[in-house]
C-alpha cells in the first residue's frame, strides 16, 4: 500500500484507518504545531533529496488528491454551487482547517477568488515575502475538480508569509 513503486495515485479514504478504534483516548485532534512539524520537515527533506520545484509540484499534487478524496467522502452528492460553498465553509471551520470566504465568484465561468483566514498551514509564521500554501492550492483545485467534473488551476496570490493576514487564492478552470 505505501512502499510499492507506482506512477499513479492510489490513495483511498480507507487508508486513514479507524481513528476511533486506534485512538480511543486521544481522539482525532492534534496540535497545529505537530501538523506543521510533519509538513515542513517533509518539505525540507524533499527539497534536500530533489529540489524546490519538484517539492512544490509534489505538494500541489498531494493537495489535489486530498481535495478529491475530501469531496468524495465528506461532501458526497453535493451538486449545487451554493450548497458546495456552504458545506465547505462549515467543514473547514469544524475541522479547524481555516475560515473560508468567497471574495469574488463568477458561477458561469467558474472563476473564484477566495480567502482562508487562520489557515492551518501558515497563519502565524514569520513574514518571508513568499507564498507557502502549495498544498492548499492543490487541495482547493481537487475540491473544485471533484465538484465541477473538470480540472482547475489554483494559485495563492496572498499569504500570511508575504505579509497578508489571510491566504488568498485565485481559482479558474484549467486550460
N, C-alpha and C. Protein backbone atom coordinates (compact mmCIF):
# COMPACT_ATOMS: atom_id res chain seq x y z
N UNK A 1 0.82 -1.20 0.00
CA UNK A 1 0.00 0.00 0.00
C UNK A 1 0.87 1.27 0.00
N UNK A 2 1.95 1.29 0.77
CA UNK A 2 2.74 2.50 0.88
C UNK A 2 4.14 2.40 0.30
N UNK A 3 4.62 1.21 0.03
CA UNK A 3 6.02 1.08 -0.38
C UNK A 3 6.22 0.57 -1.79
N UNK A 4 5.15 0.26 -2.51
CA UNK A 4 5.35 -0.22 -3.88
C UNK A 4 5.53 0.95 -4.84
N UNK A 5 6.33 0.74 -5.85
CA UNK A 5 6.55 1.75 -6.88
C UNK A 5 5.28 1.89 -7.71
N UNK A 6 4.97 3.11 -8.15
CA UNK A 6 3.79 3.33 -9.00
C UNK A 6 3.88 4.69 -9.68
N UNK A 7 3.11 4.84 -10.72
CA UNK A 7 3.07 6.09 -11.48
C UNK A 7 1.72 6.78 -11.38
N UNK A 8 0.84 6.26 -10.56
CA UNK A 8 -0.48 6.87 -10.41
C UNK A 8 -0.82 6.98 -8.93
N UNK A 9 -1.81 7.80 -8.62
CA UNK A 9 -2.25 7.95 -7.24
C UNK A 9 -3.11 6.76 -6.86
N UNK A 10 -2.88 6.23 -5.66
CA UNK A 10 -3.65 5.09 -5.17
C UNK A 10 -4.30 5.38 -3.83
N UNK A 11 -4.26 6.63 -3.38
CA UNK A 11 -4.83 6.96 -2.08
C UNK A 11 -6.31 6.62 -2.05
N UNK A 12 -6.73 6.07 -0.94
CA UNK A 12 -8.14 5.80 -0.69
C UNK A 12 -8.44 6.25 0.74
N UNK A 13 -9.62 6.76 0.97
CA UNK A 13 -10.02 7.28 2.28
C UNK A 13 -9.80 6.23 3.37
N UNK A 14 -9.96 4.96 3.01
CA UNK A 14 -9.78 3.88 3.99
C UNK A 14 -8.34 3.83 4.52
N UNK A 15 -7.39 4.41 3.80
CA UNK A 15 -6.01 4.44 4.27
C UNK A 15 -5.84 5.26 5.55
N UNK A 16 -6.85 6.07 5.86
CA UNK A 16 -6.80 6.87 7.09
C UNK A 16 -7.04 6.02 8.33
N UNK A 17 -7.60 4.82 8.14
CA UNK A 17 -7.82 3.89 9.24
C UNK A 17 -9.03 4.23 10.08
N UNK A 18 -9.23 3.45 11.12
CA UNK A 18 -10.31 3.66 12.08
C UNK A 18 -9.74 4.44 13.26
N UNK A 19 -9.86 5.74 13.20
CA UNK A 19 -9.24 6.61 14.20
C UNK A 19 -9.85 6.40 15.57
N UNK A 20 -11.17 6.20 15.64
CA UNK A 20 -11.82 5.97 16.94
C UNK A 20 -11.30 4.71 17.61
N UNK A 21 -11.09 3.66 16.83
CA UNK A 21 -10.57 2.42 17.38
C UNK A 21 -9.10 2.56 17.77
N UNK A 22 -8.34 3.21 16.93
CA UNK A 22 -6.90 3.33 17.15
C UNK A 22 -6.49 4.36 18.18
N UNK A 23 -7.35 5.36 18.40
CA UNK A 23 -7.04 6.42 19.36
C UNK A 23 -8.22 6.65 20.31
N UNK A 24 -8.60 5.63 21.09
CA UNK A 24 -9.79 5.75 21.93
C UNK A 24 -9.66 6.81 23.02
N UNK A 25 -8.46 7.15 23.43
CA UNK A 25 -8.28 8.13 24.50
C UNK A 25 -7.85 9.50 23.98
N UNK A 26 -7.11 9.52 22.87
CA UNK A 26 -6.61 10.79 22.34
C UNK A 26 -7.52 11.39 21.28
N UNK A 27 -8.34 10.58 20.62
CA UNK A 27 -9.28 11.09 19.63
C UNK A 27 -8.62 11.51 18.33
N UNK A 28 -9.34 12.31 17.56
CA UNK A 28 -8.89 12.66 16.21
C UNK A 28 -8.25 14.04 16.11
N UNK A 29 -7.94 14.69 17.19
CA UNK A 29 -7.36 16.03 17.13
C UNK A 29 -5.90 16.01 17.59
N UNK A 30 -5.14 16.94 17.05
CA UNK A 30 -3.76 17.13 17.47
C UNK A 30 -3.45 18.63 17.40
N UNK A 31 -2.31 19.02 17.84
CA UNK A 31 -1.90 20.42 17.86
C UNK A 31 -1.42 20.85 16.46
N UNK A 32 -1.71 22.08 16.09
CA UNK A 32 -1.28 22.62 14.79
C UNK A 32 0.23 22.50 14.63
N UNK A 33 0.98 22.70 15.70
CA UNK A 33 2.43 22.62 15.61
C UNK A 33 2.88 21.23 15.16
N UNK A 34 2.17 20.19 15.55
CA UNK A 34 2.53 18.83 15.15
C UNK A 34 2.28 18.63 13.66
N UNK A 35 1.15 19.13 13.18
CA UNK A 35 0.84 19.08 11.75
C UNK A 35 1.93 19.81 10.96
N UNK A 36 2.26 21.02 11.40
CA UNK A 36 3.28 21.80 10.70
C UNK A 36 4.65 21.17 10.79
N UNK A 37 4.96 20.54 11.91
CA UNK A 37 6.22 19.84 12.06
C UNK A 37 6.35 18.77 10.98
N UNK A 38 5.28 18.00 10.77
CA UNK A 38 5.32 16.97 9.73
C UNK A 38 5.44 17.62 8.35
N UNK A 39 4.60 18.62 8.07
CA UNK A 39 4.60 19.21 6.73
C UNK A 39 5.94 19.88 6.39
N UNK A 40 6.47 20.67 7.30
CA UNK A 40 7.66 21.44 6.97
C UNK A 40 8.95 20.62 7.03
N UNK A 41 9.00 19.58 7.86
CA UNK A 41 10.17 18.70 7.82
C UNK A 41 10.12 17.82 6.58
N UNK A 42 8.93 17.39 6.18
CA UNK A 42 8.79 16.62 4.94
C UNK A 42 9.19 17.49 3.75
N UNK A 43 8.74 18.72 3.72
CA UNK A 43 9.12 19.64 2.64
C UNK A 43 10.63 19.85 2.61
N UNK A 44 11.23 20.02 3.77
CA UNK A 44 12.67 20.22 3.87
C UNK A 44 13.43 19.01 3.35
N UNK A 45 13.01 17.82 3.74
CA UNK A 45 13.67 16.60 3.28
C UNK A 45 13.50 16.41 1.78
N UNK A 46 12.34 16.72 1.25
CA UNK A 46 12.11 16.57 -0.19
C UNK A 46 12.99 17.53 -0.98
N UNK A 47 13.13 18.76 -0.50
CA UNK A 47 13.99 19.72 -1.20
C UNK A 47 15.44 19.21 -1.18
N UNK A 48 15.86 18.67 -0.04
CA UNK A 48 17.22 18.13 0.07
C UNK A 48 17.43 16.99 -0.93
N UNK A 49 16.44 16.10 -1.07
CA UNK A 49 16.59 14.91 -1.92
C UNK A 49 16.24 15.16 -3.38
N UNK A 50 15.49 16.22 -3.66
CA UNK A 50 15.14 16.53 -5.06
C UNK A 50 15.52 17.98 -5.31
N UNK A 51 14.53 18.86 -5.36
CA UNK A 51 14.75 20.29 -5.50
C UNK A 51 13.45 21.00 -5.13
N UNK A 52 13.51 22.32 -4.98
CA UNK A 52 12.34 23.08 -4.53
C UNK A 52 11.18 22.98 -5.52
N UNK A 53 11.47 23.04 -6.80
CA UNK A 53 10.41 23.00 -7.82
C UNK A 53 9.67 21.66 -7.79
N UNK A 54 10.41 20.57 -7.72
CA UNK A 54 9.79 19.24 -7.64
C UNK A 54 8.97 19.11 -6.37
N UNK A 55 9.51 19.60 -5.27
CA UNK A 55 8.79 19.54 -4.00
C UNK A 55 7.47 20.29 -4.08
N UNK A 56 7.48 21.48 -4.65
CA UNK A 56 6.23 22.24 -4.80
C UNK A 56 5.22 21.48 -5.64
N UNK A 57 5.69 20.86 -6.71
CA UNK A 57 4.81 20.08 -7.58
C UNK A 57 4.20 18.90 -6.84
N UNK A 58 5.01 18.22 -6.03
CA UNK A 58 4.53 17.07 -5.26
C UNK A 58 3.49 17.53 -4.23
N UNK A 59 3.77 18.62 -3.54
CA UNK A 59 2.82 19.12 -2.56
C UNK A 59 1.50 19.53 -3.22
N UNK A 60 1.57 20.17 -4.38
CA UNK A 60 0.36 20.55 -5.11
C UNK A 60 -0.43 19.29 -5.50
N UNK A 61 0.25 18.31 -6.08
CA UNK A 61 -0.41 17.07 -6.49
C UNK A 61 -1.04 16.35 -5.30
N UNK A 62 -0.33 16.32 -4.17
CA UNK A 62 -0.88 15.69 -2.97
C UNK A 62 -2.14 16.42 -2.52
N UNK A 63 -2.12 17.74 -2.61
CA UNK A 63 -3.30 18.53 -2.26
C UNK A 63 -4.47 18.22 -3.17
N UNK A 64 -4.21 18.08 -4.48
CA UNK A 64 -5.28 17.73 -5.43
C UNK A 64 -5.89 16.39 -5.04
N UNK A 65 -5.05 15.41 -4.78
CA UNK A 65 -5.53 14.08 -4.39
C UNK A 65 -6.37 14.17 -3.11
N UNK A 66 -5.90 14.94 -2.14
CA UNK A 66 -6.62 15.11 -0.88
C UNK A 66 -7.95 15.83 -1.09
N UNK A 67 -7.96 16.86 -1.93
CA UNK A 67 -9.20 17.61 -2.19
C UNK A 67 -10.26 16.73 -2.83
N UNK A 68 -9.85 15.90 -3.78
CA UNK A 68 -10.80 14.98 -4.43
C UNK A 68 -11.35 13.98 -3.42
N UNK A 69 -10.47 13.41 -2.61
CA UNK A 69 -10.90 12.44 -1.60
C UNK A 69 -11.81 13.09 -0.56
N UNK A 70 -11.48 14.31 -0.16
CA UNK A 70 -12.28 15.04 0.82
C UNK A 70 -13.70 15.24 0.28
N UNK A 71 -13.80 15.71 -0.96
CA UNK A 71 -15.12 15.92 -1.57
C UNK A 71 -15.90 14.61 -1.63
N UNK A 72 -15.26 13.57 -2.12
CA UNK A 72 -15.93 12.28 -2.30
C UNK A 72 -16.45 11.73 -0.97
N UNK A 73 -15.68 11.90 0.09
CA UNK A 73 -16.01 11.28 1.36
C UNK A 73 -16.69 12.19 2.37
N UNK A 74 -16.52 13.49 2.23
CA UNK A 74 -17.10 14.42 3.20
C UNK A 74 -18.26 15.24 2.61
N UNK A 75 -18.36 15.27 1.27
CA UNK A 75 -19.37 16.11 0.64
C UNK A 75 -20.08 15.38 -0.51
N UNK A 76 -20.33 14.09 -0.36
CA UNK A 76 -20.88 13.32 -1.49
C UNK A 76 -22.25 13.84 -1.93
N UNK A 77 -22.43 13.88 -3.23
CA UNK A 77 -23.73 14.22 -3.79
C UNK A 77 -24.05 15.70 -3.87
N UNK A 78 -23.18 16.55 -3.40
CA UNK A 78 -23.45 18.00 -3.48
C UNK A 78 -23.17 18.45 -4.90
N UNK A 79 -24.18 18.97 -5.58
CA UNK A 79 -24.04 19.42 -6.96
C UNK A 79 -24.38 20.89 -7.16
N UNK A 80 -24.97 21.52 -6.17
CA UNK A 80 -25.31 22.94 -6.25
C UNK A 80 -24.15 23.77 -5.71
N UNK A 81 -23.75 24.80 -6.44
CA UNK A 81 -22.59 25.61 -6.07
C UNK A 81 -22.77 26.25 -4.69
N UNK A 82 -23.93 26.82 -4.42
CA UNK A 82 -24.15 27.46 -3.12
C UNK A 82 -24.08 26.45 -1.99
N UNK A 83 -24.64 25.26 -2.20
CA UNK A 83 -24.56 24.21 -1.19
C UNK A 83 -23.11 23.75 -1.00
N UNK A 84 -22.38 23.65 -2.10
CA UNK A 84 -20.97 23.25 -2.05
C UNK A 84 -20.17 24.24 -1.19
N UNK A 85 -20.32 25.52 -1.47
CA UNK A 85 -19.57 26.54 -0.72
C UNK A 85 -19.98 26.53 0.75
N UNK A 86 -21.28 26.48 1.03
CA UNK A 86 -21.75 26.49 2.41
C UNK A 86 -21.23 25.28 3.19
N UNK A 87 -21.28 24.10 2.57
CA UNK A 87 -20.81 22.89 3.24
C UNK A 87 -19.29 22.93 3.43
N UNK A 88 -18.58 23.41 2.43
CA UNK A 88 -17.13 23.50 2.54
C UNK A 88 -16.73 24.48 3.64
N UNK A 89 -17.40 25.63 3.73
CA UNK A 89 -17.12 26.58 4.79
C UNK A 89 -17.35 25.94 6.16
N UNK A 90 -18.46 25.24 6.29
CA UNK A 90 -18.80 24.59 7.54
C UNK A 90 -17.75 23.54 7.93
N UNK A 91 -17.40 22.68 6.99
CA UNK A 91 -16.43 21.61 7.27
C UNK A 91 -15.05 22.16 7.59
N UNK A 92 -14.60 23.16 6.82
CA UNK A 92 -13.27 23.72 7.07
C UNK A 92 -13.19 24.32 8.46
N UNK A 93 -14.27 24.97 8.90
CA UNK A 93 -14.27 25.55 10.24
C UNK A 93 -14.36 24.47 11.31
N UNK A 94 -15.27 23.50 11.12
CA UNK A 94 -15.43 22.42 12.10
C UNK A 94 -14.14 21.61 12.27
N UNK A 95 -13.41 21.38 11.17
CA UNK A 95 -12.19 20.59 11.21
C UNK A 95 -10.95 21.43 11.50
N UNK A 96 -11.16 22.71 11.78
CA UNK A 96 -10.06 23.64 12.12
C UNK A 96 -9.02 23.76 11.02
N UNK A 97 -9.46 23.67 9.76
CA UNK A 97 -8.57 23.86 8.62
C UNK A 97 -8.37 25.35 8.38
N UNK A 98 -9.43 26.12 8.52
CA UNK A 98 -9.39 27.56 8.30
C UNK A 98 -10.79 28.09 8.09
N UNK A 99 -10.89 29.39 7.96
CA UNK A 99 -12.17 30.06 7.77
C UNK A 99 -12.23 30.54 6.33
N UNK A 100 -13.06 29.86 5.53
CA UNK A 100 -13.17 30.12 4.09
C UNK A 100 -14.18 31.22 3.81
N UNK A 101 -13.79 32.15 2.95
CA UNK A 101 -14.69 33.20 2.45
C UNK A 101 -14.50 33.30 0.94
N UNK A 102 -15.59 33.51 0.24
CA UNK A 102 -15.53 33.74 -1.20
C UNK A 102 -15.57 35.25 -1.41
N UNK A 103 -14.51 35.83 -1.96
CA UNK A 103 -14.45 37.27 -2.21
C UNK A 103 -15.10 37.64 -3.53
N UNK A 104 -14.80 36.86 -4.55
CA UNK A 104 -15.36 37.09 -5.89
C UNK A 104 -15.72 35.75 -6.48
N UNK A 105 -16.82 35.72 -7.22
CA UNK A 105 -17.17 34.48 -7.91
C UNK A 105 -17.90 34.80 -9.20
N UNK A 106 -17.64 34.00 -10.20
CA UNK A 106 -18.36 34.05 -11.46
C UNK A 106 -18.83 32.62 -11.73
N UNK A 107 -20.05 32.30 -11.29
CA UNK A 107 -20.55 30.93 -11.42
C UNK A 107 -20.58 30.42 -12.86
N UNK A 108 -20.75 31.31 -13.83
CA UNK A 108 -20.78 30.87 -15.23
C UNK A 108 -19.41 30.40 -15.70
N UNK A 109 -18.37 31.17 -15.41
CA UNK A 109 -17.02 30.80 -15.85
C UNK A 109 -16.30 29.94 -14.82
N UNK A 110 -16.90 29.78 -13.63
CA UNK A 110 -16.30 29.02 -12.52
C UNK A 110 -14.94 29.60 -12.11
N UNK A 111 -14.86 30.93 -12.07
CA UNK A 111 -13.66 31.60 -11.59
C UNK A 111 -13.96 32.19 -10.22
N UNK A 112 -13.03 31.99 -9.29
CA UNK A 112 -13.25 32.41 -7.91
C UNK A 112 -12.00 33.05 -7.33
N UNK A 113 -12.21 33.98 -6.42
CA UNK A 113 -11.16 34.45 -5.53
C UNK A 113 -11.69 34.18 -4.13
N UNK A 114 -10.90 33.44 -3.37
CA UNK A 114 -11.34 33.06 -2.04
C UNK A 114 -10.22 33.28 -1.04
N UNK A 115 -10.60 33.45 0.21
CA UNK A 115 -9.62 33.60 1.27
C UNK A 115 -9.81 32.50 2.30
N UNK A 116 -8.71 32.17 2.96
CA UNK A 116 -8.76 31.27 4.11
C UNK A 116 -8.04 32.01 5.24
N UNK A 117 -8.81 32.38 6.27
CA UNK A 117 -8.24 33.01 7.46
C UNK A 117 -7.86 31.91 8.45
N UNK A 118 -6.90 32.19 9.30
CA UNK A 118 -6.41 31.24 10.30
C UNK A 118 -6.04 29.91 9.64
N UNK A 119 -5.40 30.01 8.49
CA UNK A 119 -5.03 28.85 7.69
C UNK A 119 -4.13 27.89 8.48
N UNK A 120 -4.44 26.62 8.40
CA UNK A 120 -3.70 25.58 9.11
C UNK A 120 -2.22 25.57 8.74
N UNK A 121 -1.90 25.86 7.49
CA UNK A 121 -0.52 25.74 7.02
C UNK A 121 0.38 26.90 7.41
N UNK A 122 -0.14 28.11 7.53
CA UNK A 122 0.81 29.22 7.65
C UNK A 122 0.47 30.33 8.63
N UNK A 123 -0.75 30.45 9.08
CA UNK A 123 -1.10 31.59 9.95
C UNK A 123 -0.21 31.62 11.18
N UNK A 124 0.46 32.74 11.37
CA UNK A 124 1.37 32.91 12.49
C UNK A 124 2.84 32.68 12.16
N UNK A 125 3.13 32.22 10.95
CA UNK A 125 4.54 32.04 10.56
C UNK A 125 5.19 33.40 10.33
N UNK A 126 6.52 33.46 10.34
CA UNK A 126 7.21 34.72 10.06
C UNK A 126 6.97 35.17 8.61
N UNK A 127 7.02 36.47 8.40
CA UNK A 127 6.90 37.02 7.06
C UNK A 127 8.19 36.74 6.31
N UNK A 128 8.08 36.11 5.12
CA UNK A 128 9.25 35.73 4.33
C UNK A 128 9.16 36.26 2.90
N UNK A 129 8.14 37.03 2.59
CA UNK A 129 7.92 37.56 1.25
C UNK A 129 7.69 36.47 0.21
N UNK A 130 7.12 35.34 0.63
CA UNK A 130 6.75 34.30 -0.32
C UNK A 130 5.41 33.70 0.10
N UNK A 131 4.74 33.08 -0.84
CA UNK A 131 3.53 32.34 -0.53
C UNK A 131 3.94 30.89 -0.32
N UNK A 132 3.36 30.23 0.68
CA UNK A 132 3.84 28.89 1.04
C UNK A 132 2.76 27.82 1.02
N UNK A 133 1.54 28.16 0.70
CA UNK A 133 0.42 27.22 0.85
C UNK A 133 0.16 26.42 -0.43
N UNK A 134 1.21 25.79 -0.93
CA UNK A 134 1.12 24.98 -2.15
C UNK A 134 0.17 23.81 -1.98
N UNK A 135 0.22 23.14 -0.84
CA UNK A 135 -0.70 22.03 -0.58
C UNK A 135 -2.14 22.53 -0.63
N UNK A 136 -2.41 23.70 -0.05
CA UNK A 136 -3.75 24.28 -0.07
C UNK A 136 -4.20 24.59 -1.50
N UNK A 137 -3.29 25.08 -2.33
CA UNK A 137 -3.63 25.32 -3.73
C UNK A 137 -4.16 24.04 -4.36
N UNK A 138 -3.42 22.97 -4.19
CA UNK A 138 -3.84 21.69 -4.74
C UNK A 138 -5.13 21.19 -4.13
N UNK A 139 -5.28 21.35 -2.81
CA UNK A 139 -6.49 20.91 -2.12
C UNK A 139 -7.72 21.60 -2.70
N UNK A 140 -7.64 22.90 -2.89
CA UNK A 140 -8.76 23.65 -3.46
C UNK A 140 -9.01 23.20 -4.90
N UNK A 141 -7.94 23.02 -5.68
CA UNK A 141 -8.08 22.55 -7.07
C UNK A 141 -8.77 21.19 -7.10
N UNK A 142 -8.39 20.29 -6.20
CA UNK A 142 -9.00 18.96 -6.15
C UNK A 142 -10.46 19.02 -5.75
N UNK A 143 -10.79 19.85 -4.78
CA UNK A 143 -12.19 20.03 -4.37
C UNK A 143 -13.03 20.52 -5.55
N UNK A 144 -12.54 21.56 -6.22
CA UNK A 144 -13.29 22.14 -7.33
C UNK A 144 -13.41 21.16 -8.49
N UNK A 145 -12.34 20.41 -8.77
CA UNK A 145 -12.40 19.42 -9.84
C UNK A 145 -13.42 18.33 -9.53
N UNK A 146 -13.42 17.85 -8.30
CA UNK A 146 -14.38 16.81 -7.92
C UNK A 146 -15.81 17.33 -7.99
N UNK A 147 -16.01 18.58 -7.59
CA UNK A 147 -17.35 19.18 -7.64
C UNK A 147 -17.80 19.44 -9.08
N UNK A 148 -16.94 20.06 -9.87
CA UNK A 148 -17.34 20.53 -11.21
C UNK A 148 -17.10 19.51 -12.31
N UNK A 149 -16.30 18.48 -12.04
CA UNK A 149 -16.03 17.48 -13.06
C UNK A 149 -15.06 17.93 -14.13
N UNK A 150 -14.25 18.93 -13.82
CA UNK A 150 -13.21 19.39 -14.74
C UNK A 150 -12.05 19.95 -13.94
N UNK A 151 -10.87 19.96 -14.55
CA UNK A 151 -9.67 20.40 -13.86
C UNK A 151 -9.67 21.89 -13.54
N UNK A 152 -8.96 22.25 -12.50
CA UNK A 152 -8.82 23.65 -12.09
C UNK A 152 -7.37 23.99 -11.84
N UNK A 153 -7.04 25.23 -12.08
CA UNK A 153 -5.73 25.78 -11.72
C UNK A 153 -5.97 26.75 -10.57
N UNK A 154 -5.26 26.55 -9.49
CA UNK A 154 -5.41 27.41 -8.31
C UNK A 154 -4.03 27.93 -7.93
N UNK A 155 -3.94 29.22 -7.69
CA UNK A 155 -2.69 29.85 -7.27
C UNK A 155 -2.96 30.74 -6.07
N UNK A 156 -2.05 30.65 -5.10
CA UNK A 156 -2.13 31.54 -3.94
C UNK A 156 -1.55 32.89 -4.36
N UNK A 157 -2.31 33.94 -4.13
CA UNK A 157 -1.86 35.27 -4.54
C UNK A 157 -1.50 36.15 -3.35
N UNK A 158 -1.96 35.80 -2.17
CA UNK A 158 -1.57 36.47 -0.93
C UNK A 158 -1.48 35.41 0.16
N UNK A 159 -0.58 35.64 1.12
CA UNK A 159 -0.33 34.64 2.17
C UNK A 159 0.09 35.36 3.44
N UNK A 160 -0.13 34.72 4.56
CA UNK A 160 0.36 35.25 5.83
C UNK A 160 1.86 35.51 5.70
N UNK A 161 2.56 34.62 5.01
CA UNK A 161 4.02 34.71 4.91
C UNK A 161 4.52 35.83 3.99
N UNK A 162 3.63 36.41 3.19
CA UNK A 162 4.07 37.57 2.43
C UNK A 162 3.47 38.85 3.00
N UNK A 163 2.99 38.76 4.24
CA UNK A 163 2.55 39.95 4.95
C UNK A 163 1.06 40.14 5.04
N UNK A 164 0.27 39.34 4.37
CA UNK A 164 -1.18 39.44 4.47
C UNK A 164 -1.63 38.71 5.73
N UNK A 165 -2.84 38.86 6.12
CA UNK A 165 -3.34 38.16 7.30
C UNK A 165 -4.37 37.10 6.95
N UNK A 166 -4.55 36.87 5.66
CA UNK A 166 -5.35 35.75 5.16
C UNK A 166 -4.60 35.19 3.95
N UNK A 167 -4.92 33.95 3.61
CA UNK A 167 -4.39 33.37 2.38
C UNK A 167 -5.46 33.59 1.31
N UNK A 168 -5.05 34.12 0.18
CA UNK A 168 -6.00 34.42 -0.91
C UNK A 168 -5.61 33.58 -2.12
N UNK A 169 -6.63 32.95 -2.69
CA UNK A 169 -6.42 32.03 -3.80
C UNK A 169 -7.26 32.44 -5.00
N UNK A 170 -6.67 32.38 -6.17
CA UNK A 170 -7.39 32.58 -7.43
C UNK A 170 -7.58 31.20 -8.06
N UNK A 171 -8.83 30.89 -8.40
CA UNK A 171 -9.14 29.59 -8.98
C UNK A 171 -9.88 29.79 -10.28
N UNK A 172 -9.48 29.01 -11.31
CA UNK A 172 -10.16 29.06 -12.60
C UNK A 172 -10.02 27.71 -13.25
N UNK A 173 -10.96 27.37 -14.14
CA UNK A 173 -10.83 26.10 -14.85
C UNK A 173 -9.49 26.03 -15.59
N UNK A 174 -8.91 24.84 -15.57
CA UNK A 174 -7.64 24.64 -16.28
C UNK A 174 -7.85 24.72 -17.78
N UNK A 175 -6.82 25.17 -18.47
CA UNK A 175 -6.91 25.32 -19.92
C UNK A 175 -7.06 23.97 -20.60
